[in-house]
Every structure is written in structure tokens, then in C-alpha cells.
Protein backbone atom coordinates (compact mmCIF):
# COMPACT_ATOMS: atom_id res chain seq x y z
CA MET A 1 0.00 0.00 0.00
CA LYS A 2 1.34 3.42 -0.96
CA ALA A 3 0.97 6.18 1.60
CA VAL A 4 0.23 9.67 0.33
CA THR A 5 1.57 12.97 1.60
CA ASN A 6 -0.56 15.79 3.02
CA GLN A 7 -0.01 17.74 -0.18
CA GLU A 8 -1.11 14.80 -2.34
CA ILE A 9 -4.29 14.24 -0.34
CA ARG A 10 -5.15 17.96 -0.53
CA GLU A 11 -4.75 17.77 -4.31
CA ILE A 12 -6.97 14.67 -4.46
CA ASP A 13 -9.63 16.45 -2.37
CA ARG A 14 -9.39 19.56 -4.55
CA LYS A 15 -9.83 17.53 -7.74
CA ALA A 16 -12.74 15.58 -6.29
CA ILE A 17 -14.51 18.82 -5.36
CA GLU A 18 -13.61 21.06 -8.30
CA GLU A 19 -13.23 18.66 -11.22
CA TYR A 20 -15.69 15.91 -10.28
CA GLY A 21 -18.22 18.03 -8.41
CA ILE A 22 -18.22 15.92 -5.24
CA PRO A 23 -19.21 18.15 -2.30
CA GLY A 24 -16.69 18.37 0.53
CA LEU A 25 -19.35 17.20 2.99
CA VAL A 26 -19.82 14.00 0.97
CA LEU A 27 -16.06 13.36 1.08
CA MET A 28 -16.12 13.95 4.83
CA GLU A 29 -19.09 11.62 5.33
CA ASN A 30 -17.44 8.90 3.27
CA ALA A 31 -14.15 9.20 5.15
CA GLY A 32 -15.80 9.11 8.57
CA SER A 33 -18.02 6.18 7.61
CA ARG A 34 -15.05 4.16 6.36
CA ILE A 35 -13.06 4.93 9.51
CA PHE A 36 -16.00 3.68 11.58
CA GLN A 37 -16.36 0.52 9.48
CA ASN A 38 -12.65 -0.24 9.85
CA LEU A 39 -12.78 0.33 13.60
CA LYS A 40 -15.83 -1.93 13.85
CA ASN A 41 -13.99 -4.68 11.93
CA ILE A 42 -10.98 -4.42 14.24
CA TYR A 43 -13.05 -4.07 17.44
CA PRO A 44 -16.35 -6.00 16.98
CA ASP A 45 -17.64 -4.93 20.42
CA LEU A 46 -16.89 -1.28 19.71
CA ARG A 47 -20.41 -0.07 20.57
CA LEU A 48 -20.06 -1.54 24.06
CA LYS A 49 -17.06 0.67 24.83
CA LYS A 50 -16.90 4.22 26.13
CA ILE A 51 -15.07 6.23 23.52
CA ILE A 52 -13.98 9.86 23.39
CA ILE A 53 -13.45 11.52 20.02
CA PHE A 54 -11.26 14.62 20.04
CA ALA A 55 -12.13 16.69 16.98
CA GLY A 56 -10.71 20.02 15.92
CA SER A 57 -12.24 22.61 13.63
CA GLY A 58 -10.73 21.40 10.35
CA ASN A 59 -11.81 18.74 7.89
CA ASN A 60 -10.18 15.98 9.94
CA GLY A 61 -12.29 17.16 12.85
CA GLY A 62 -15.34 16.80 10.64
CA ASP A 63 -14.32 13.21 9.89
CA GLY A 64 -14.12 12.67 13.65
CA PHE A 65 -17.66 13.99 14.14
CA VAL A 66 -18.92 11.54 11.51
CA VAL A 67 -17.19 8.67 13.35
CA ALA A 68 -18.72 9.85 16.64
CA ARG A 69 -22.19 10.00 15.09
CA HIS A 70 -21.87 6.39 13.90
CA LEU A 71 -20.87 5.27 17.38
């Protein structure tokens, strides 16, 4: 698996929004949903745990709010 840099992911986001017309909120929802699904696969009893999500004001924080909503 190839990891991408911050600059590369920003460019991917920009292209998705500007060139493909995918709203930023849709990208955020998809990212947060996938994070939740991966966490659920790793920790099947995830919903039985007490979890704290620390989320800032940027887009990554938005992803965190999506994860929290799914919990």
C-alpha cells in the first residue's frame, strides 16, 4: 500500500470537489463512515465501549464527528 503525503491528499480532495463536483461534505461523510467501518472490523464490540473523540475545527475534525455520530 502506498501512503500519500498531506499535499497529495489535498490535491486529491481539490480535484474531487472542483473537477468531479463531489461536495466536501460528501467526502467527509465517506471518510468518517469508512473509519467507523474499519474500527468496527478491528473491534467487533466497539459499541459496548466508552469512547472519546477529540475533533478540531478542520476537515479531519469533521471526519471525527462523523465517526462519533456512527458510534
